[in-house]
Amino acid sequence: MTSILNSIKKMIGIPEDYQHFDADIIMHINSVLMILTQLGVGPDDGFVITGANEQWSDYITDSKKLEAVKSYIYLKVRLLFDPPTSSTIVDSFNRQINELEWRLNVQAESK
């Protein structure tokens, strides 16, 4: 089982045992989860995390079709929590986010 919080922290470059920023990262993850709910991804009534206990398998029941959720959440959280200083990289992140939003929405509608 893989913790949503810990995997996002790892992708951001924060060690799992370093908890100083956990509250901030959790807040950003939950904001992104709300966006995904509006896109039709995840449980109909939404989903939130409160710490490292919530697993990807709790959120994504069909991981083969929605694996891009992990990249999407990472990119959005990274932009909110630790945005790149280069506008070129920010633009690249935003293009990736837009494509993932479109693809996740299409996948959610095909359920």
N, C-alpha and C. Protein backbone atom coordinates (compact mmCIF):
# COMPACT_ATOMS: atom_id res chain seq x y z
N MET A 1 0.84 -1.19 0.00
CA MET A 1 0.00 0.00 0.00
C MET A 1 0.88 1.24 0.00
N THR A 2 0.44 2.24 -0.73
CA THR A 2 1.22 3.45 -0.83
C THR A 2 0.40 4.64 -0.34
N SER A 3 0.95 5.37 0.58
CA SER A 3 0.30 6.55 1.13
C SER A 3 0.28 7.67 0.10
N ILE A 4 -0.87 8.31 -0.04
CA ILE A 4 -0.98 9.45 -0.95
C ILE A 4 -0.02 10.55 -0.51
N LEU A 5 -0.07 10.92 0.75
CA LEU A 5 0.78 11.99 1.26
C LEU A 5 2.25 11.67 1.06
N ASN A 6 2.68 10.49 1.46
CA ASN A 6 4.10 10.16 1.38
C ASN A 6 4.60 10.09 -0.05
N SER A 7 3.78 9.60 -0.97
CA SER A 7 4.24 9.53 -2.36
C SER A 7 4.34 10.92 -2.97
N ILE A 8 3.42 11.82 -2.64
CA ILE A 8 3.50 13.20 -3.15
C ILE A 8 4.72 13.89 -2.54
N LYS A 9 4.95 13.69 -1.25
CA LYS A 9 6.14 14.26 -0.60
C LYS A 9 7.41 13.79 -1.29
N LYS A 10 7.47 12.50 -1.61
CA LYS A 10 8.65 11.94 -2.27
C LYS A 10 8.87 12.60 -3.62
N MET A 11 7.80 12.78 -4.39
CA MET A 11 7.93 13.39 -5.71
C MET A 11 8.37 14.85 -5.61
N ILE A 12 7.96 15.52 -4.53
CA ILE A 12 8.36 16.91 -4.32
C ILE A 12 9.81 16.99 -3.84
N GLY A 13 10.29 15.90 -3.25
CA GLY A 13 11.67 15.87 -2.76
C GLY A 13 11.79 16.02 -1.25
N ILE A 14 10.69 15.73 -0.55
CA ILE A 14 10.68 15.83 0.91
C ILE A 14 10.70 14.42 1.49
N PRO A 15 11.63 14.14 2.39
CA PRO A 15 11.68 12.80 3.00
C PRO A 15 10.39 12.48 3.76
N GLU A 16 10.02 11.22 3.72
CA GLU A 16 8.79 10.76 4.36
C GLU A 16 8.75 11.11 5.85
N ASP A 17 9.88 11.02 6.53
CA ASP A 17 9.91 11.26 7.98
C ASP A 17 9.99 12.74 8.35
N TYR A 18 10.14 13.63 7.36
CA TYR A 18 10.16 15.06 7.63
C TYR A 18 8.73 15.58 7.53
N GLN A 19 8.15 15.97 8.67
CA GLN A 19 6.72 16.28 8.73
C GLN A 19 6.41 17.76 8.88
N HIS A 20 7.41 18.61 8.81
CA HIS A 20 7.20 20.04 9.03
C HIS A 20 6.19 20.66 8.07
N PHE A 21 6.17 20.20 6.82
CA PHE A 21 5.28 20.78 5.81
C PHE A 21 4.03 19.96 5.56
N ASP A 22 3.80 18.92 6.34
CA ASP A 22 2.68 18.02 6.08
C ASP A 22 1.34 18.74 6.02
N ALA A 23 1.08 19.65 6.93
CA ALA A 23 -0.21 20.36 6.94
C ALA A 23 -0.42 21.14 5.65
N ASP A 24 0.62 21.80 5.17
CA ASP A 24 0.52 22.56 3.93
C ASP A 24 0.28 21.64 2.74
N ILE A 25 1.02 20.55 2.68
CA ILE A 25 0.89 19.63 1.55
C ILE A 25 -0.48 18.95 1.58
N ILE A 26 -0.95 18.57 2.75
CA ILE A 26 -2.28 17.97 2.88
C ILE A 26 -3.35 18.94 2.38
N MET A 27 -3.24 20.20 2.75
CA MET A 27 -4.21 21.20 2.30
C MET A 27 -4.22 21.28 0.77
N HIS A 28 -3.04 21.29 0.16
CA HIS A 28 -2.96 21.38 -1.30
C HIS A 28 -3.48 20.10 -1.97
N ILE A 29 -3.14 18.95 -1.41
CA ILE A 29 -3.65 17.69 -1.96
C ILE A 29 -5.17 17.68 -1.93
N ASN A 30 -5.76 18.11 -0.81
CA ASN A 30 -7.21 18.13 -0.69
C ASN A 30 -7.85 19.11 -1.67
N SER A 31 -7.19 20.22 -1.94
CA SER A 31 -7.70 21.15 -2.95
C SER A 31 -7.72 20.49 -4.32
N VAL A 32 -6.66 19.76 -4.64
CA VAL A 32 -6.59 19.08 -5.93
C VAL A 32 -7.61 17.94 -6.00
N LEU A 33 -7.81 17.24 -4.91
CA LEU A 33 -8.82 16.19 -4.88
C LEU A 33 -10.21 16.76 -5.13
N MET A 34 -10.47 17.97 -4.65
CA MET A 34 -11.75 18.62 -4.93
C MET A 34 -11.91 18.90 -6.42
N ILE A 35 -10.82 19.37 -7.05
CA ILE A 35 -10.84 19.62 -8.50
C ILE A 35 -11.12 18.32 -9.24
N LEU A 36 -10.47 17.24 -8.83
CA LEU A 36 -10.70 15.95 -9.48
C LEU A 36 -12.14 15.49 -9.32
N THR A 37 -12.75 15.75 -8.16
CA THR A 37 -14.15 15.41 -7.96
C THR A 37 -15.01 16.15 -8.97
N GLN A 38 -14.72 17.43 -9.19
CA GLN A 38 -15.47 18.21 -10.17
C GLN A 38 -15.26 17.71 -11.60
N LEU A 39 -14.10 17.08 -11.85
CA LEU A 39 -13.83 16.50 -13.17
C LEU A 39 -14.48 15.13 -13.33
N GLY A 40 -15.06 14.62 -12.25
CA GLY A 40 -15.71 13.32 -12.30
C GLY A 40 -14.81 12.16 -11.93
N VAL A 41 -13.66 12.46 -11.33
CA VAL A 41 -12.69 11.43 -10.95
C VAL A 41 -12.80 11.18 -9.45
N GLY A 42 -12.74 9.91 -9.07
CA GLY A 42 -12.79 9.57 -7.66
C GLY A 42 -14.22 9.37 -7.17
N PRO A 43 -14.37 9.18 -5.87
CA PRO A 43 -15.71 8.96 -5.30
C PRO A 43 -16.64 10.14 -5.58
N ASP A 44 -17.90 9.83 -5.83
CA ASP A 44 -18.89 10.87 -6.15
C ASP A 44 -19.03 11.92 -5.05
N ASP A 45 -18.87 11.49 -3.80
CA ASP A 45 -19.03 12.42 -2.68
C ASP A 45 -17.72 13.08 -2.27
N GLY A 46 -16.67 12.91 -3.08
CA GLY A 46 -15.38 13.54 -2.80
C GLY A 46 -14.49 12.67 -1.94
N PHE A 47 -13.31 13.19 -1.68
CA PHE A 47 -12.32 12.44 -0.90
C PHE A 47 -11.35 13.45 -0.30
N VAL A 48 -10.96 13.23 0.93
CA VAL A 48 -9.95 14.06 1.58
C VAL A 48 -8.96 13.16 2.31
N ILE A 49 -7.76 13.70 2.49
CA ILE A 49 -6.79 12.99 3.32
C ILE A 49 -6.56 13.81 4.59
N THR A 50 -6.16 13.13 5.64
CA THR A 50 -5.87 13.82 6.90
C THR A 50 -4.44 13.58 7.35
N GLY A 51 -3.76 12.67 6.65
CA GLY A 51 -2.38 12.35 7.00
C GLY A 51 -1.86 11.27 6.08
N ALA A 52 -0.93 10.49 6.59
CA ALA A 52 -0.27 9.46 5.78
C ALA A 52 -1.05 8.14 5.74
N ASN A 53 -2.19 8.07 6.39
CA ASN A 53 -2.94 6.81 6.44
C ASN A 53 -3.73 6.52 5.18
N GLU A 54 -4.15 7.54 4.45
CA GLU A 54 -4.96 7.33 3.26
C GLU A 54 -4.07 6.84 2.11
N GLN A 55 -4.50 5.77 1.50
CA GLN A 55 -3.73 5.11 0.44
C GLN A 55 -4.32 5.43 -0.93
N TRP A 56 -3.49 5.26 -1.95
CA TRP A 56 -3.99 5.45 -3.32
C TRP A 56 -5.16 4.51 -3.60
N SER A 57 -5.08 3.30 -3.06
CA SER A 57 -6.14 2.32 -3.30
C SER A 57 -7.46 2.72 -2.64
N ASP A 58 -7.41 3.60 -1.64
CA ASP A 58 -8.64 4.13 -1.03
C ASP A 58 -9.33 5.11 -1.97
N TYR A 59 -8.53 5.79 -2.78
CA TYR A 59 -9.05 6.84 -3.66
C TYR A 59 -9.33 6.32 -5.07
N ILE A 60 -8.39 5.59 -5.62
CA ILE A 60 -8.51 5.12 -7.00
C ILE A 60 -8.86 3.64 -6.95
N THR A 61 -10.07 3.31 -7.36
CA THR A 61 -10.47 1.91 -7.35
C THR A 61 -10.09 1.20 -8.65
N ASP A 62 -9.91 1.95 -9.72
CA ASP A 62 -9.52 1.37 -11.00
C ASP A 62 -8.20 2.01 -11.43
N SER A 63 -7.13 1.65 -10.76
CA SER A 63 -5.85 2.32 -10.97
C SER A 63 -5.29 2.15 -12.37
N LYS A 64 -5.64 1.09 -13.06
CA LYS A 64 -5.14 0.89 -14.41
C LYS A 64 -5.60 1.99 -15.36
N LYS A 65 -6.80 2.48 -15.13
CA LYS A 65 -7.35 3.50 -16.02
C LYS A 65 -7.13 4.92 -15.53
N LEU A 66 -6.78 5.06 -14.26
CA LEU A 66 -6.65 6.40 -13.68
C LEU A 66 -5.28 6.63 -13.05
N GLU A 67 -4.28 5.96 -13.53
CA GLU A 67 -2.93 6.09 -12.97
C GLU A 67 -2.41 7.53 -13.11
N ALA A 68 -2.89 8.26 -14.10
CA ALA A 68 -2.46 9.65 -14.33
C ALA A 68 -2.86 10.58 -13.18
N VAL A 69 -3.78 10.13 -12.33
CA VAL A 69 -4.18 10.93 -11.18
C VAL A 69 -2.97 11.29 -10.32
N LYS A 70 -2.06 10.37 -10.17
CA LYS A 70 -0.88 10.59 -9.32
C LYS A 70 -0.01 11.71 -9.89
N SER A 71 0.21 11.68 -11.18
CA SER A 71 1.01 12.74 -11.82
C SER A 71 0.29 14.08 -11.73
N TYR A 72 -1.02 14.04 -11.96
CA TYR A 72 -1.82 15.26 -11.90
C TYR A 72 -1.74 15.91 -10.51
N ILE A 73 -1.94 15.11 -9.49
CA ILE A 73 -1.90 15.65 -8.13
C ILE A 73 -0.51 16.19 -7.83
N TYR A 74 0.52 15.45 -8.21
CA TYR A 74 1.89 15.93 -7.99
C TYR A 74 2.11 17.29 -8.66
N LEU A 75 1.78 17.40 -9.94
CA LEU A 75 2.03 18.65 -10.67
C LEU A 75 1.28 19.83 -10.03
N LYS A 76 0.01 19.61 -9.69
CA LYS A 76 -0.78 20.69 -9.09
C LYS A 76 -0.23 21.08 -7.71
N VAL A 77 0.10 20.08 -6.89
CA VAL A 77 0.63 20.37 -5.56
C VAL A 77 1.98 21.06 -5.68
N ARG A 78 2.80 20.61 -6.59
CA ARG A 78 4.12 21.24 -6.78
C ARG A 78 3.97 22.71 -7.14
N LEU A 79 3.03 23.02 -8.03
CA LEU A 79 2.82 24.42 -8.41
C LEU A 79 2.30 25.26 -7.23
N LEU A 80 1.49 24.66 -6.39
CA LEU A 80 0.95 25.38 -5.24
C LEU A 80 1.97 25.51 -4.11
N PHE A 81 2.70 24.42 -3.85
CA PHE A 81 3.59 24.37 -2.70
C PHE A 81 4.98 24.92 -2.98
N ASP A 82 5.54 24.57 -4.12
CA ASP A 82 6.92 24.94 -4.44
C ASP A 82 7.06 25.21 -5.93
N PRO A 83 6.48 26.32 -6.39
CA PRO A 83 6.49 26.58 -7.83
C PRO A 83 7.90 26.80 -8.36
N PRO A 84 8.17 26.29 -9.57
CA PRO A 84 9.48 26.52 -10.19
C PRO A 84 9.69 28.02 -10.42
N THR A 85 10.93 28.44 -10.39
CA THR A 85 11.23 29.86 -10.61
C THR A 85 11.25 30.21 -12.09
N SER A 86 11.43 29.22 -12.93
CA SER A 86 11.47 29.45 -14.38
C SER A 86 10.06 29.45 -14.96
N SER A 87 9.72 30.51 -15.67
CA SER A 87 8.40 30.58 -16.28
C SER A 87 8.24 29.52 -17.37
N THR A 88 9.32 29.11 -17.97
CA THR A 88 9.27 28.05 -18.98
C THR A 88 8.83 26.73 -18.35
N ILE A 89 9.37 26.44 -17.18
CA ILE A 89 9.00 25.21 -16.48
C ILE A 89 7.56 25.30 -15.99
N VAL A 90 7.15 26.45 -15.49
CA VAL A 90 5.76 26.63 -15.06
C VAL A 90 4.82 26.41 -16.24
N ASP A 91 5.16 26.97 -17.40
CA ASP A 91 4.34 26.77 -18.61
C ASP A 91 4.27 25.29 -18.98
N SER A 92 5.39 24.59 -18.87
CA SER A 92 5.41 23.16 -19.17
C SER A 92 4.51 22.39 -18.20
N PHE A 93 4.61 22.70 -16.92
CA PHE A 93 3.74 22.07 -15.92
C PHE A 93 2.28 22.32 -16.27
N ASN A 94 1.95 23.57 -16.59
CA ASN A 94 0.57 23.91 -16.90
C ASN A 94 0.05 23.18 -18.14
N ARG A 95 0.89 23.01 -19.15
CA ARG A 95 0.48 22.25 -20.34
C ARG A 95 0.23 20.79 -19.97
N GLN A 96 1.10 20.22 -19.14
CA GLN A 96 0.90 18.83 -18.70
C GLN A 96 -0.38 18.70 -17.88
N ILE A 97 -0.62 19.67 -17.01
CA ILE A 97 -1.83 19.66 -16.18
C ILE A 97 -3.07 19.73 -17.07
N ASN A 98 -3.06 20.61 -18.05
CA ASN A 98 -4.23 20.75 -18.94
C ASN A 98 -4.50 19.46 -19.70
N GLU A 99 -3.44 18.83 -20.20
CA GLU A 99 -3.65 17.56 -20.92
C GLU A 99 -4.17 16.48 -19.98
N LEU A 100 -3.58 16.38 -18.79
CA LEU A 100 -4.04 15.37 -17.84
C LEU A 100 -5.49 15.61 -17.42
N GLU A 101 -5.87 16.87 -17.22
CA GLU A 101 -7.26 17.18 -16.88
C GLU A 101 -8.20 16.68 -17.97
N TRP A 102 -7.84 16.96 -19.22
CA TRP A 102 -8.68 16.54 -20.34
C TRP A 102 -8.78 15.02 -20.38
N ARG A 103 -7.63 14.34 -20.28
CA ARG A 103 -7.62 12.88 -20.37
C ARG A 103 -8.34 12.23 -19.18
N LEU A 104 -8.15 12.76 -17.98
CA LEU A 104 -8.83 12.20 -16.82
C LEU A 104 -10.34 12.41 -16.93
N ASN A 105 -10.75 13.55 -17.42
CA ASN A 105 -12.17 13.83 -17.62
C ASN A 105 -12.77 12.87 -18.64
N VAL A 106 -12.08 12.65 -19.73
CA VAL A 106 -12.55 11.71 -20.75
C VAL A 106 -12.66 10.31 -20.15
N GLN A 107 -11.65 9.91 -19.39
CA GLN A 107 -11.67 8.57 -18.78
C GLN A 107 -12.81 8.45 -17.77
N ALA A 108 -13.03 9.50 -16.99
CA ALA A 108 -14.10 9.47 -15.99
C ALA A 108 -15.47 9.39 -16.67
N GLU A 109 -15.63 10.07 -17.78
CA GLU A 109 -16.91 10.05 -18.50
C GLU A 109 -17.18 8.71 -19.16
N SER A 110 -16.13 7.93 -19.42
CA SER A 110 -16.31 6.65 -20.10
C SER A 110 -16.58 5.51 -19.14
N LYS A 111 -16.72 5.80 -17.86
CA LYS A 111 -17.00 4.76 -16.84
C LYS A 111 -18.33 4.10 -17.13
